[in-house]
Amino acid sequence: MATFMNHDYHYEYSYQDQKKYYRNDVRNMSDFELGYQQAQSDYRYGYQIKYYPVSLIKIINEILDNRLTEIVDFMIGYNQAKKDLK
């Protein structure tokens, strides 16, 4: 169990508690929302913002009979967040 102390509050959590919370939260999110959230996280923590070639992946998705729909939705969400953060 990890313990973090700040001047205003005392917060404890276990790895299993955080893992359970994350899994439940992610299961309720769409692929678009996951991409959007990832872009916000990358921006917030100073990571390099990624470039996703959505147009190319959409073409490949059509060729593969829409087997990449989740990936396309994630990329669209990521790219939308990039626009919103500017």
C-alpha atoms as a PDB file:
ATOM      1  CA  MET A   1       0.000   0.000   0.000  1.00  0.00           C
ATOM      2  CA  ALA A   2       1.301   3.403  -0.946  1.00  0.00           C
ATOM      3  CA  THR A   3       0.759   6.492   1.144  1.00  0.00           C
ATOM      4  CA  PHE A   4       0.967  10.055  -0.074  1.00  0.00           C
ATOM      5  CA  MET A   5       0.870  13.018   2.247  1.00  0.00           C
ATOM      6  CA  ASN A   6       0.242  16.612   1.357  1.00  0.00           C
ATOM      7  CA  HIS A   7      -0.329  19.626   3.555  1.00  0.00           C
ATOM      8  CA  ASP A   8      -4.072  19.507   2.999  1.00  0.00           C
ATOM      9  CA  TYR A   9      -4.871  15.814   2.783  1.00  0.00           C
ATOM     10  CA  HIS A  10      -3.699  12.292   3.388  1.00  0.00           C
ATOM     11  CA  TYR A  11      -4.388   9.750   0.625  1.00  0.00           C
ATOM     12  CA  GLU A  12      -3.889   5.989   0.646  1.00  0.00           C
ATOM     13  CA  TYR A  13      -4.511   3.494  -2.094  1.00  0.00           C
ATOM     14  CA  SER A  14      -3.466   0.040  -3.095  1.00  0.00           C
ATOM     15  CA  TYR A  15      -2.368  -1.014  -6.541  1.00  0.00           C
ATOM     16  CA  GLN A  16      -5.332  -3.377  -6.788  1.00  0.00           C
ATOM     17  CA  ASP A  17      -7.789  -0.570  -5.944  1.00  0.00           C
ATOM     18  CA  GLN A  18      -6.358   1.656  -8.659  1.00  0.00           C
ATOM     19  CA  LYS A  19      -6.290  -1.190 -11.190  1.00  0.00           C
ATOM     20  CA  LYS A  20      -9.947  -2.021 -10.467  1.00  0.00           C
ATOM     21  CA  TYR A  21     -10.986   1.635 -10.798  1.00  0.00           C
ATOM     22  CA  TYR A  22      -9.080   2.045 -14.077  1.00  0.00           C
ATOM     23  CA  ARG A  23     -10.575  -1.095 -15.619  1.00  0.00           C
ATOM     24  CA  ASN A  24     -14.119  -0.071 -14.724  1.00  0.00           C
ATOM     25  CA  ASP A  25     -13.573   3.448 -16.033  1.00  0.00           C
ATOM     26  CA  VAL A  26     -12.028   2.298 -19.325  1.00  0.00           C
ATOM     27  CA  ARG A  27     -14.760  -0.258 -19.981  1.00  0.00           C
ATOM     28  CA  ASN A  28     -17.351   2.498 -19.959  1.00  0.00           C
ATOM     29  CA  MET A  29     -15.508   4.675 -22.481  1.00  0.00           C
ATOM     30  CA  SER A  30     -15.820   4.618 -26.249  1.00  0.00           C
ATOM     31  CA  ASP A  31     -12.762   4.309 -28.465  1.00  0.00           C
ATOM     32  CA  PHE A  32     -13.178   7.970 -29.413  1.00  0.00           C
ATOM     33  CA  GLU A  33     -13.155   8.951 -25.722  1.00  0.00           C
ATOM     34  CA  LEU A  34     -10.071   6.809 -25.070  1.00  0.00           C
ATOM     35  CA  GLY A  35      -8.209   8.552 -27.894  1.00  0.00           C
ATOM     36  CA  TYR A  36      -9.356  11.956 -26.691  1.00  0.00           C
ATOM     37  CA  GLN A  37      -8.241  11.189 -23.153  1.00  0.00           C
ATOM     38  CA  GLN A  38      -4.869   9.862 -24.350  1.00  0.00           C
ATOM     39  CA  ALA A  39      -4.137  13.077 -26.245  1.00  0.00           C
ATOM     40  CA  GLN A  40      -5.039  15.146 -23.188  1.00  0.00           C
ATOM     41  CA  SER A  41      -2.768  12.984 -21.043  1.00  0.00           C
ATOM     42  CA  ASP A  42       0.117  13.270 -23.512  1.00  0.00           C
ATOM     43  CA  TYR A  43      -0.290  17.048 -23.556  1.00  0.00           C
ATOM     44  CA  ARG A  44      -0.643  17.350 -19.775  1.00  0.00           C
ATOM     45  CA  TYR A  45       2.479  15.327 -19.028  1.00  0.00           C
ATOM     46  CA  GLY A  46       4.572  16.921 -21.750  1.00  0.00           C
ATOM     47  CA  TYR A  47       4.829  13.846 -23.966  1.00  0.00           C
ATOM     48  CA  GLN A  48       5.243  14.250 -27.685  1.00  0.00           C
ATOM     49  CA  ILE A  49       1.875  14.646 -29.410  1.00  0.00           C
ATOM     50  CA  LYS A  50       1.505  11.866 -31.943  1.00  0.00           C
ATOM     51  CA  TYR A  51       0.485  12.115 -35.570  1.00  0.00           C
ATOM     52  CA  TYR A  52      -2.107   9.575 -36.661  1.00  0.00           C
ATOM     53  CA  PRO A  53      -2.801   9.275 -40.412  1.00  0.00           C
ATOM     54  CA  VAL A  54      -6.549   8.766 -40.104  1.00  0.00           C
ATOM     55  CA  SER A  55      -7.229   9.020 -43.843  1.00  0.00           C
ATOM     56  CA  LEU A  56      -4.810   6.206 -44.626  1.00  0.00           C
ATOM     57  CA  ILE A  57      -6.152   3.983 -41.866  1.00  0.00           C
ATOM     58  CA  LYS A  58      -9.732   4.616 -43.035  1.00  0.00           C
ATOM     59  CA  ILE A  59      -8.794   3.329 -46.497  1.00  0.00           C
ATOM     60  CA  ILE A  60      -7.097   0.273 -45.029  1.00  0.00           C
ATOM     61  CA  ASN A  61     -10.147  -0.240 -42.794  1.00  0.00           C
ATOM     62  CA  GLU A  62     -12.412  -0.329 -45.848  1.00  0.00           C
ATOM     63  CA  ILE A  63     -10.139  -2.840 -47.560  1.00  0.00           C
ATOM     64  CA  LEU A  64     -10.148  -5.036 -44.446  1.00  0.00           C
ATOM     65  CA  ASP A  65     -13.957  -4.984 -44.209  1.00  0.00           C
ATOM     66  CA  ASN A  66     -14.074  -2.573 -41.216  1.00  0.00           C
ATOM     67  CA  ARG A  67     -11.855  -4.629 -38.941  1.00  0.00           C
ATOM     68  CA  LEU A  68      -9.976  -1.519 -37.804  1.00  0.00           C
ATOM     69  CA  THR A  69     -12.988   0.517 -36.731  1.00  0.00           C
ATOM     70  CA  GLU A  70     -11.871   0.759 -33.096  1.00  0.00           C
ATOM     71  CA  ILE A  71      -8.449   2.021 -34.148  1.00  0.00           C
ATOM     72  CA  VAL A  72      -9.985   4.597 -36.496  1.00  0.00           C
ATOM     73  CA  ASP A  73     -12.296   5.842 -33.732  1.00  0.00           C
ATOM     74  CA  PHE A  74      -9.370   6.117 -31.300  1.00  0.00           C
ATOM     75  CA  MET A  75      -7.346   8.105 -33.838  1.00  0.00           C
ATOM     76  CA  ILE A  76     -10.250  10.429 -34.582  1.00  0.00           C
ATOM     77  CA  GLY A  77     -10.656  11.098 -30.844  1.00  0.00           C
ATOM     78  CA  TYR A  78      -6.930  11.715 -30.444  1.00  0.00           C
ATOM     79  CA  ASN A  79      -6.830  14.117 -33.378  1.00  0.00           C
ATOM     80  CA  GLN A  80      -9.943  15.951 -32.146  1.00  0.00           C
ATOM     81  CA  ALA A  81      -8.321  16.516 -28.756  1.00  0.00           C
ATOM     82  CA  LYS A  82      -5.210  17.890 -30.497  1.00  0.00           C
ATOM     83  CA  LYS A  83      -7.410  20.443 -32.271  1.00  0.00           C
ATOM     84  CA  ASP A  84      -9.221  21.348 -29.055  1.00  0.00           C
ATOM     85  CA  LEU A  85      -5.967  21.818 -27.135  1.00  0.00           C
ATOM     86  CA  LYS A  86      -4.592  24.366 -29.620  1.00  0.00           C
END
